[in-house]
Amino acid sequence: MSALEALVKKIVKYGDITLIDYQGRETFIQGPEPGHSVVLRMHDHALPGKIAAQPDLAIGEGFVDGQLDFGDGSLWGFLQFYG
């Protein structure tokens, strides 16, 4: 998940995100400012690379295809974090 981790570390400015890969490995990334907490769970081994390459497209497709969900079940929370 290193390419995805590098991308997320660059974009997280507020709050924190926990990335959980298809094997259940967790990576916690915290931004410098307080904000929302988000859990992003990926169910496909190829999804982290797709997200790193084209985040806007891959996150939406992953969610619709069931390859991606949010630990608290909140798409709204993720949108507030990401947007």
C-alpha atoms as a PDB file:
ATOM      1  CA  MET A   1       0.000   0.000   0.000  1.00  0.00           C
ATOM      2  CA  SER A   2       3.030   2.294  -0.147  1.00  0.00           C
ATOM      3  CA  ALA A   3       1.997   4.367  -3.211  1.00  0.00           C
ATOM      4  CA  LEU A   4      -1.407   4.948  -1.650  1.00  0.00           C
ATOM      5  CA  GLU A   5       0.131   5.787   1.735  1.00  0.00           C
ATOM      6  CA  ALA A   6       2.426   8.358   0.118  1.00  0.00           C
ATOM      7  CA  LEU A   7      -0.515   9.987  -1.650  1.00  0.00           C
ATOM      8  CA  VAL A   8      -2.687  10.061   1.467  1.00  0.00           C
ATOM      9  CA  LYS A   9       0.118  11.511   3.597  1.00  0.00           C
ATOM     10  CA  LYS A  10       0.387  14.394   1.120  1.00  0.00           C
ATOM     11  CA  ILE A  11      -3.325  15.201   1.037  1.00  0.00           C
ATOM     12  CA  VAL A  12      -4.365  14.713   4.680  1.00  0.00           C
ATOM     13  CA  LYS A  13      -4.399  18.166   6.214  1.00  0.00           C
ATOM     14  CA  TYR A  14      -7.229  17.799   8.732  1.00  0.00           C
ATOM     15  CA  GLY A  15      -8.273  14.796  10.781  1.00  0.00           C
ATOM     16  CA  ASP A  16      -7.058  11.268  10.323  1.00  0.00           C
ATOM     17  CA  ILE A  17      -7.640   8.245   8.152  1.00  0.00           C
ATOM     18  CA  THR A  18      -7.219   4.546   8.779  1.00  0.00           C
ATOM     19  CA  LEU A  19      -6.558   2.515   5.653  1.00  0.00           C
ATOM     20  CA  ILE A  20      -7.380  -1.191   5.886  1.00  0.00           C
ATOM     21  CA  ASP A  21      -6.209  -3.367   3.015  1.00  0.00           C
ATOM     22  CA  TYR A  22      -7.817  -6.588   1.753  1.00  0.00           C
ATOM     23  CA  GLN A  23      -5.698  -8.630   4.199  1.00  0.00           C
ATOM     24  CA  GLY A  24      -6.816  -6.584   7.193  1.00  0.00           C
ATOM     25  CA  ARG A  25      -3.572  -4.639   7.639  1.00  0.00           C
ATOM     26  CA  GLU A  26      -4.219  -1.194   9.083  1.00  0.00           C
ATOM     27  CA  THR A  27      -2.323   2.013   8.403  1.00  0.00           C
ATOM     28  CA  PHE A  28      -3.139   5.128  10.430  1.00  0.00           C
ATOM     29  CA  ILE A  29      -2.342   8.548   8.973  1.00  0.00           C
ATOM     30  CA  GLN A  30      -2.972  11.741  10.909  1.00  0.00           C
ATOM     31  CA  GLY A  31      -2.991  15.226   9.494  1.00  0.00           C
ATOM     32  CA  PRO A  32      -1.433  18.181  11.304  1.00  0.00           C
ATOM     33  CA  GLU A  33      -4.802  19.738  12.181  1.00  0.00           C
ATOM     34  CA  PRO A  34      -7.805  18.244  14.019  1.00  0.00           C
ATOM     35  CA  GLY A  35     -10.788  17.110  11.974  1.00  0.00           C
ATOM     36  CA  HIS A  36     -12.871  14.113  10.948  1.00  0.00           C
ATOM     37  CA  SER A  37     -11.764  10.522  11.439  1.00  0.00           C
ATOM     38  CA  VAL A  38     -12.344   8.199   8.498  1.00  0.00           C
ATOM     39  CA  VAL A  39     -11.849   4.466   7.993  1.00  0.00           C
ATOM     40  CA  LEU A  40     -11.344   3.281   4.432  1.00  0.00           C
ATOM     41  CA  ARG A  41     -11.585  -0.517   4.008  1.00  0.00           C
ATOM     42  CA  MET A  42     -10.478  -2.029   0.698  1.00  0.00           C
ATOM     43  CA  HIS A  43     -11.625  -5.522  -0.307  1.00  0.00           C
ATOM     44  CA  ASP A  44      -9.577  -5.910  -3.489  1.00  0.00           C
ATOM     45  CA  HIS A  45      -5.797  -6.294  -3.711  1.00  0.00           C
ATOM     46  CA  ALA A  46      -5.553  -4.047  -6.801  1.00  0.00           C
ATOM     47  CA  LEU A  47      -7.589  -1.168  -5.384  1.00  0.00           C
ATOM     48  CA  PRO A  48      -4.788   0.676  -3.518  1.00  0.00           C
ATOM     49  CA  GLY A  49      -2.810   1.004  -6.764  1.00  0.00           C
ATOM     50  CA  LYS A  50      -5.885   2.171  -8.641  1.00  0.00           C
ATOM     51  CA  ILE A  51      -6.619   4.777  -5.966  1.00  0.00           C
ATOM     52  CA  ALA A  52      -3.008   5.990  -6.010  1.00  0.00           C
ATOM     53  CA  ALA A  53      -3.142   6.371  -9.809  1.00  0.00           C
ATOM     54  CA  GLN A  54      -6.623   7.934 -10.156  1.00  0.00           C
ATOM     55  CA  PRO A  55      -8.141   8.665  -6.735  1.00  0.00           C
ATOM     56  CA  ASP A  56     -11.313  10.416  -7.884  1.00  0.00           C
ATOM     57  CA  LEU A  57     -12.264   7.655 -10.307  1.00  0.00           C
ATOM     58  CA  ALA A  58     -11.069   4.628  -8.321  1.00  0.00           C
ATOM     59  CA  ILE A  59     -12.729   5.628  -5.035  1.00  0.00           C
ATOM     60  CA  GLY A  60     -16.116   6.081  -6.698  1.00  0.00           C
ATOM     61  CA  GLU A  61     -15.843   2.897  -8.743  1.00  0.00           C
ATOM     62  CA  GLY A  62     -14.550   0.925  -5.764  1.00  0.00           C
ATOM     63  CA  PHE A  63     -17.481   2.052  -3.640  1.00  0.00           C
ATOM     64  CA  VAL A  64     -20.075   1.253  -6.309  1.00  0.00           C
ATOM     65  CA  ASP A  65     -18.483  -2.142  -7.070  1.00  0.00           C
ATOM     66  CA  GLY A  66     -18.341  -3.127  -3.392  1.00  0.00           C
ATOM     67  CA  GLN A  67     -14.530  -3.198  -3.344  1.00  0.00           C
ATOM     68  CA  LEU A  68     -14.404  -0.329  -0.874  1.00  0.00           C
ATOM     69  CA  ASP A  69     -16.386   0.716   2.159  1.00  0.00           C
ATOM     70  CA  PHE A  70     -16.111   3.086   5.055  1.00  0.00           C
ATOM     71  CA  GLY A  71     -15.563   1.589   8.484  1.00  0.00           C
ATOM     72  CA  ASP A  72     -18.273   3.662  10.115  1.00  0.00           C
ATOM     73  CA  GLY A  73     -20.539   3.196   7.103  1.00  0.00           C
ATOM     74  CA  SER A  74     -20.514   6.905   6.418  1.00  0.00           C
ATOM     75  CA  LEU A  75     -19.927   8.051   2.872  1.00  0.00           C
ATOM     76  CA  TRP A  76     -20.835  11.550   4.069  1.00  0.00           C
ATOM     77  CA  GLY A  77     -18.027  11.485   6.634  1.00  0.00           C
ATOM     78  CA  PHE A  78     -15.563  10.497   3.933  1.00  0.00           C
ATOM     79  CA  LEU A  79     -16.784  13.234   1.606  1.00  0.00           C
ATOM     80  CA  GLN A  80     -16.365  15.816   4.355  1.00  0.00           C
ATOM     81  CA  PHE A  81     -12.844  14.524   4.938  1.00  0.00           C
ATOM     82  CA  TYR A  82     -11.877  14.246   1.276  1.00  0.00           C
ATOM     83  CA  GLY A  83     -13.724  17.286  -0.002  1.00  0.00           C
END
